[in-house]
Each structure stands twice: as C-alpha cells, then as structure tokens.
N, C-alpha and C. Protein backbone atom coordinates (compact mmCIF):
# COMPACT_ATOMS: atom_id res chain seq x y z
N MET A 1 0.74 -1.16 0.08
CA MET A 1 -0.03 -0.09 -0.09
C MET A 1 0.83 1.32 -0.06
N ALA A 2 2.06 1.37 0.84
CA ALA A 2 2.76 2.36 0.83
C ALA A 2 3.38 2.58 -0.48
N ALA A 3 3.93 1.61 -1.11
CA ALA A 3 4.64 1.84 -2.32
C ALA A 3 3.62 2.52 -3.44
N ALA A 4 2.43 2.24 -3.53
CA ALA A 4 1.46 2.81 -4.41
C ALA A 4 1.25 4.16 -4.09
N ALA A 5 1.40 4.52 -2.95
CA ALA A 5 1.10 6.11 -2.44
C ALA A 5 2.32 6.77 -2.91
N VAL A 6 3.54 6.38 -2.84
CA VAL A 6 4.74 6.84 -3.31
C VAL A 6 4.70 7.01 -4.75
N ALA A 7 4.28 5.93 -5.37
CA ALA A 7 4.35 6.09 -6.88
C ALA A 7 3.34 7.07 -7.38
N ALA A 8 2.44 7.37 -6.70
CA ALA A 8 1.31 8.30 -7.09
C ALA A 8 1.84 9.77 -7.11
N VAL A 9 2.87 10.15 -6.26
CA VAL A 9 3.36 11.34 -6.32
C VAL A 9 4.40 11.65 -7.39
N GLY A 10 4.93 10.77 -8.12
CA GLY A 10 5.83 10.91 -9.29
C GLY A 10 7.08 10.71 -8.88
N VAL A 11 7.25 9.59 -8.25
CA VAL A 11 8.88 9.13 -8.11
C VAL A 11 9.69 9.33 -9.29
N GLY A 12 10.69 9.96 -9.17
CA GLY A 12 11.68 10.01 -10.30
C GLY A 12 11.59 11.46 -11.08
N ASP A 13 10.63 12.14 -10.61
CA ASP A 13 10.42 13.47 -11.36
C ASP A 13 11.10 14.68 -10.54
N GLU A 14 11.99 14.44 -9.53
CA GLU A 14 12.53 15.33 -8.74
C GLU A 14 13.68 16.22 -9.49
N ARG A 15 13.46 17.54 -9.40
CA ARG A 15 14.46 18.37 -10.05
C ARG A 15 15.07 19.42 -9.06
N GLU A 16 16.35 19.38 -8.87
CA GLU A 16 16.97 20.22 -7.89
C GLU A 16 17.21 21.58 -8.63
N PHE A 17 17.10 22.57 -7.87
CA PHE A 17 17.37 24.01 -8.68
C PHE A 17 18.25 24.86 -7.67
N GLY A 18 18.97 25.80 -8.27
CA GLY A 18 19.72 26.83 -7.57
C GLY A 18 19.48 28.14 -8.30
N ILE A 19 19.46 29.23 -7.53
CA ILE A 19 19.33 30.63 -8.34
C ILE A 19 20.43 31.43 -7.43
N PHE A 20 21.27 32.27 -8.02
CA PHE A 20 22.20 32.82 -7.44
C PHE A 20 22.42 34.22 -7.95
N VAL A 21 22.85 35.15 -6.98
CA VAL A 21 23.18 36.42 -7.31
C VAL A 21 24.51 36.57 -7.08
N ARG A 22 25.29 37.06 -8.14
CA ARG A 22 26.98 37.32 -8.08
C ARG A 22 27.38 38.61 -8.37
N GLU A 23 28.17 38.95 -7.58
CA GLU A 23 28.92 40.23 -7.74
C GLU A 23 30.37 40.21 -7.66
N GLU A 24 30.99 40.62 -8.59
CA GLU A 24 32.52 40.54 -8.89
C GLU A 24 32.88 39.21 -8.54
N GLY A 25 32.30 38.17 -9.19
CA GLY A 25 32.58 36.72 -9.25
C GLY A 25 32.24 36.05 -7.80
N SER A 26 31.82 36.67 -6.86
CA SER A 26 31.35 36.07 -5.57
C SER A 26 29.84 35.97 -5.59
N ILE A 27 29.39 34.89 -5.05
CA ILE A 27 27.89 34.81 -4.73
C ILE A 27 27.58 35.65 -3.39
N VAL A 28 26.67 36.42 -3.53
CA VAL A 28 26.01 37.31 -2.44
C VAL A 28 24.64 36.80 -1.95
N ALA A 29 23.94 35.93 -2.66
CA ALA A 29 22.79 35.66 -2.33
C ALA A 29 22.31 34.37 -3.08
N GLY A 30 21.47 33.42 -2.50
CA GLY A 30 21.03 32.40 -3.39
C GLY A 30 19.86 31.63 -2.59
N ILE A 31 19.16 30.91 -3.63
CA ILE A 31 18.11 30.01 -3.22
C ILE A 31 18.16 28.82 -3.85
N SER A 32 17.99 27.64 -3.03
CA SER A 32 18.03 26.46 -3.73
C SER A 32 16.80 25.55 -3.09
N GLY A 33 16.51 24.59 -4.00
CA GLY A 33 15.34 23.67 -3.56
C GLY A 33 15.18 22.56 -4.36
N THR A 34 13.86 22.15 -4.40
CA THR A 34 13.52 20.89 -5.12
C THR A 34 12.10 21.02 -5.72
N PHE A 35 11.78 20.65 -7.11
CA PHE A 35 10.50 20.56 -7.54
C PHE A 35 10.23 19.07 -7.48
N TRP A 36 9.14 18.59 -7.02
CA TRP A 36 8.80 17.20 -7.03
C TRP A 36 7.35 16.76 -6.68
N GLY A 37 6.81 16.10 -7.43
CA GLY A 37 5.41 15.79 -7.14
C GLY A 37 4.31 16.91 -7.22
N GLY A 38 4.54 17.83 -7.88
CA GLY A 38 3.80 19.00 -7.91
C GLY A 38 3.80 20.08 -6.91
N CYS A 39 5.08 19.90 -6.25
CA CYS A 39 5.31 20.86 -5.11
C CYS A 39 6.74 21.38 -5.48
N CYS A 40 7.02 22.44 -4.74
CA CYS A 40 8.37 23.06 -4.64
C CYS A 40 8.82 23.45 -3.24
N GLN A 41 9.88 22.68 -2.79
CA GLN A 41 10.26 22.86 -1.45
C GLN A 41 11.70 23.61 -1.59
N ILE A 42 11.61 24.96 -0.83
CA ILE A 42 12.75 25.52 -0.53
C ILE A 42 13.62 24.84 0.39
N HIS A 43 14.95 24.67 0.13
CA HIS A 43 15.85 24.24 1.07
C HIS A 43 16.65 25.35 1.85
N VAL A 44 17.27 26.22 1.16
CA VAL A 44 17.93 27.23 1.69
C VAL A 44 17.66 28.60 0.94
N LEU A 45 17.48 29.59 1.56
CA LEU A 45 17.49 31.02 1.14
C LEU A 45 18.54 31.87 1.84
N TRP A 46 19.43 32.37 1.29
CA TRP A 46 20.48 32.97 1.93
C TRP A 46 20.98 34.32 1.23
N VAL A 47 21.13 35.35 2.06
CA VAL A 47 21.65 36.59 1.59
C VAL A 47 22.84 37.06 2.62
N ASP A 48 23.90 37.36 1.79
CA ASP A 48 24.95 38.00 2.56
C ASP A 48 24.75 39.19 3.53
N ASP A 49 25.32 39.02 4.69
CA ASP A 49 24.94 40.18 5.68
C ASP A 49 24.90 41.58 5.14
N ALA A 50 26.24 41.90 4.40
CA ALA A 50 26.11 43.02 3.74
C ALA A 50 25.02 43.45 2.95
N ARG A 51 24.36 42.57 2.17
CA ARG A 51 23.30 42.94 1.23
C ARG A 51 21.97 42.70 1.81
N ARG A 52 21.82 42.34 2.91
CA ARG A 52 20.37 42.23 3.48
C ARG A 52 19.67 43.54 3.61
N GLY A 53 18.43 43.48 3.31
CA GLY A 53 17.70 44.66 3.32
C GLY A 53 17.50 45.45 1.99
N GLN A 54 17.94 44.74 1.09
CA GLN A 54 17.94 45.25 -0.40
C GLN A 54 17.08 44.57 -1.27
N GLY A 55 15.99 43.76 -0.76
CA GLY A 55 15.05 43.07 -1.43
C GLY A 55 15.63 41.65 -2.27
N LEU A 56 16.90 41.35 -1.92
CA LEU A 56 17.38 40.14 -2.85
C LEU A 56 16.50 38.91 -2.39
N ALA A 57 16.33 38.71 -1.23
CA ALA A 57 15.48 37.56 -0.59
C ALA A 57 14.22 37.51 -1.30
N ARG A 58 13.43 38.55 -1.50
CA ARG A 58 12.22 38.66 -2.10
C ARG A 58 12.28 38.23 -3.65
N GLN A 59 13.21 38.85 -4.33
CA GLN A 59 13.44 38.77 -5.65
C GLN A 59 13.77 37.11 -6.01
N LEU A 60 14.69 36.50 -5.12
CA LEU A 60 14.99 35.16 -5.09
C LEU A 60 13.82 34.25 -4.89
N LEU A 61 12.98 34.52 -4.02
CA LEU A 61 11.91 33.63 -3.70
C LEU A 61 10.90 33.81 -4.86
N ALA A 62 10.73 35.10 -5.29
CA ALA A 62 9.66 35.16 -6.62
C ALA A 62 10.33 34.38 -7.69
N SER A 63 11.59 34.35 -7.98
CA SER A 63 12.04 33.58 -9.12
C SER A 63 11.75 32.11 -8.82
N ALA A 64 12.02 31.68 -7.66
CA ALA A 64 11.74 30.28 -7.34
C ALA A 64 10.19 29.96 -7.46
N GLU A 65 9.46 30.82 -7.16
CA GLU A 65 7.90 30.71 -7.27
C GLU A 65 7.61 30.59 -8.82
N ASP A 66 8.23 31.46 -9.65
CA ASP A 66 7.86 31.51 -11.08
C ASP A 66 8.42 30.17 -11.78
N GLY A 67 9.61 29.81 -11.37
CA GLY A 67 10.01 28.32 -11.79
C GLY A 67 9.04 27.22 -11.41
N ALA A 68 8.61 27.25 -10.24
CA ALA A 68 7.56 26.20 -9.79
C ALA A 68 6.19 26.31 -10.47
N ARG A 69 5.81 27.56 -10.63
CA ARG A 69 4.59 27.64 -11.60
C ARG A 69 4.88 27.05 -13.12
N ARG A 70 6.00 27.40 -13.53
CA ARG A 70 6.39 27.02 -15.00
C ARG A 70 6.26 25.44 -15.02
N ARG A 71 6.65 24.79 -13.88
CA ARG A 71 6.84 23.34 -13.84
C ARG A 71 5.38 22.84 -13.22
N GLY A 72 4.49 23.50 -13.22
CA GLY A 72 3.09 23.01 -12.77
C GLY A 72 2.84 22.66 -11.34
N CYS A 73 3.83 23.14 -10.44
CA CYS A 73 3.66 22.84 -9.00
C CYS A 73 2.43 23.73 -8.45
N ARG A 74 1.75 23.10 -7.55
CA ARG A 74 0.47 23.76 -6.99
C ARG A 74 0.88 24.48 -5.65
N LEU A 75 1.92 24.18 -5.13
CA LEU A 75 2.27 24.84 -3.90
C LEU A 75 3.89 25.02 -3.73
N ILE A 76 4.17 25.76 -2.94
CA ILE A 76 5.63 25.85 -2.50
C ILE A 76 5.74 25.87 -1.09
N MET A 77 6.84 25.38 -0.36
CA MET A 77 6.81 25.23 1.12
C MET A 77 8.21 25.36 1.48
N GLY A 78 8.40 25.48 2.70
CA GLY A 78 9.71 25.64 3.32
C GLY A 78 9.74 25.61 4.78
N ILE A 79 10.84 25.34 5.46
CA ILE A 79 11.05 25.28 6.91
C ILE A 79 12.07 26.48 7.33
N THR A 80 11.80 27.23 8.29
CA THR A 80 12.72 28.24 8.57
C THR A 80 12.52 28.32 10.25
N TYR A 81 13.48 29.27 10.83
CA TYR A 81 13.50 29.74 12.18
C TYR A 81 13.11 31.12 12.39
N ASP A 82 12.15 31.17 13.49
CA ASP A 82 11.81 32.64 13.54
C ASP A 82 12.88 33.53 13.95
N VAL A 83 13.99 33.19 14.63
CA VAL A 83 15.14 33.91 14.86
C VAL A 83 15.80 34.61 13.60
N LEU A 84 15.60 33.81 12.45
CA LEU A 84 16.11 34.37 11.38
C LEU A 84 15.23 35.01 10.41
N THR A 85 13.98 34.75 10.46
CA THR A 85 13.08 35.00 9.32
C THR A 85 11.68 35.64 9.77
N ALA A 86 11.59 35.88 11.01
CA ALA A 86 10.27 36.40 11.63
C ALA A 86 9.75 37.52 10.91
N GLY A 87 8.55 37.36 10.34
CA GLY A 87 8.00 38.77 9.62
C GLY A 87 8.16 38.62 8.16
N PHE A 88 9.03 37.77 7.66
CA PHE A 88 9.52 37.75 6.27
C PHE A 88 8.47 37.19 5.21
N TYR A 89 8.09 35.83 5.57
CA TYR A 89 7.24 35.04 4.82
C TYR A 89 5.68 35.51 4.80
N GLU A 90 5.33 35.96 5.74
CA GLU A 90 3.77 36.25 5.82
C GLU A 90 3.33 37.26 4.80
N PRO A 91 3.89 38.39 4.80
CA PRO A 91 3.46 39.55 3.73
C PRO A 91 3.67 39.04 2.32
N LEU A 92 4.29 38.08 2.09
CA LEU A 92 4.58 37.44 0.60
C LEU A 92 3.64 36.31 0.42
N GLY A 93 2.48 36.04 1.23
CA GLY A 93 1.41 35.18 0.98
C GLY A 93 1.59 33.91 1.58
N TYR A 94 2.69 33.74 2.33
CA TYR A 94 2.97 32.43 2.97
C TYR A 94 2.16 32.19 4.27
N ARG A 95 1.54 30.94 4.58
CA ARG A 95 1.00 30.87 5.79
C ARG A 95 1.74 29.66 6.63
N THR A 96 1.64 29.97 8.11
CA THR A 96 2.41 28.91 8.89
C THR A 96 1.26 27.58 8.83
N VAL A 97 1.86 26.44 8.51
CA VAL A 97 1.16 25.19 8.61
C VAL A 97 1.83 24.19 9.88
N GLY A 98 2.92 24.69 10.35
CA GLY A 98 3.43 23.92 11.53
C GLY A 98 4.48 24.64 12.44
N VAL A 99 4.45 24.56 13.63
CA VAL A 99 5.40 25.23 14.49
C VAL A 99 5.84 24.26 15.61
N ILE A 100 7.22 24.25 15.82
CA ILE A 100 7.78 23.63 17.04
C ILE A 100 8.25 24.75 17.89
N GLU A 101 7.52 25.02 18.96
CA GLU A 101 8.14 25.99 19.89
C GLU A 101 9.41 25.83 20.58
N ASP A 102 10.19 26.85 20.90
CA ASP A 102 11.47 26.63 21.67
C ASP A 102 12.40 25.59 21.03
N CYS A 103 12.45 25.76 19.64
CA CYS A 103 13.37 24.85 18.94
C CYS A 103 13.94 25.74 17.61
N PRO A 104 15.14 26.09 17.75
CA PRO A 104 16.03 25.95 18.87
C PRO A 104 15.68 26.74 19.95
N THR A 105 16.33 26.56 21.02
CA THR A 105 15.98 27.30 22.38
C THR A 105 15.82 28.75 22.23
N GLY A 106 14.64 29.25 22.69
CA GLY A 106 14.36 30.59 22.56
C GLY A 106 13.82 31.16 21.47
N THR A 107 13.43 30.21 20.49
CA THR A 107 12.80 30.52 19.15
C THR A 107 11.88 29.41 18.60
N ALA A 108 11.53 29.48 17.54
CA ALA A 108 10.72 28.45 16.94
C ALA A 108 11.17 28.16 15.57
N THR A 109 10.73 26.87 15.28
CA THR A 109 11.07 26.22 13.92
C THR A 109 9.49 26.52 13.14
N ARG A 110 9.54 26.85 12.17
CA ARG A 110 8.13 27.17 11.41
C ARG A 110 8.26 26.58 9.85
N TRP A 111 7.04 25.73 9.62
CA TRP A 111 7.02 25.34 8.40
C TRP A 111 5.76 26.36 7.58
N TYR A 112 6.32 26.82 6.56
CA TYR A 112 5.44 27.67 5.57
C TYR A 112 4.86 26.97 4.37
N ARG A 113 3.84 27.32 3.80
CA ARG A 113 3.16 27.04 2.54
C ARG A 113 2.45 28.24 1.95
N LYS A 114 2.69 28.18 0.56
CA LYS A 114 1.97 29.14 -0.36
C LYS A 114 1.33 28.50 -1.34
N ASP A 115 -0.01 28.61 -1.58
CA ASP A 115 -0.60 27.86 -2.76
C ASP A 115 -0.15 28.70 -4.13
N LEU A 116 0.22 28.14 -4.93
CA LEU A 116 0.61 28.90 -6.26
C LEU A 116 -0.44 28.87 -7.30
C-alpha cells in the first residue's frame, strides 16, 4: 500500500534548482530547493549580511515561485526559524502550517506554505 502512495506522487520527477546573485565573481545571495510531485520545497534562502535589506531575498523567492509555476507546481513550502526570518514570509502570501516552539531554544521552527 505504501509503495502505491509513493508512486502516485511521481517518483523520479525530482529536479533540484539553484538561483544565485553574483557580484564581482562572488555569490552574495542564493536560493535552492527541489521541484517534486507537483510541489516546490525551498531548502536554503541566503543573503550575505552586507546585502540584507535590499530586496534580494524577495526577488530570489519570486524567481523560485515563477519556476515552480512553470513546472506545474501547485504549492511551495519551506522550513525556517523565527530567529532568522520572523515577519518575512507572511507579507509574501505564505502561511504557517506547523510550528515547534522553543526549537532551537528561545525561538521556533516554522513550516510555511503558499498555494501557487
């Protein structure tokens, strides 16, 4: 029964992706993830400290969303930590679908989802 459920989501159609912002040969921001089974999962979204607050993270996330739509994904999701990204995802249309409080200590781990 479990094997049938796995086959139904498209085993073998996984595609990894990475989008990067480079300046003078160095990577200053990037996003990576996976398209699989009609979903897009963000694994890493990173911006160099010196470039934060300039909209790069929003631009990278929008590019990943566009790629997901082109590949027929119905949703995009990711996991992050409030200490790093509190208030970032909600204004962009993401909603919390799961939380582990006090993990890591003093903050929360949060799963986000956005329907595309």
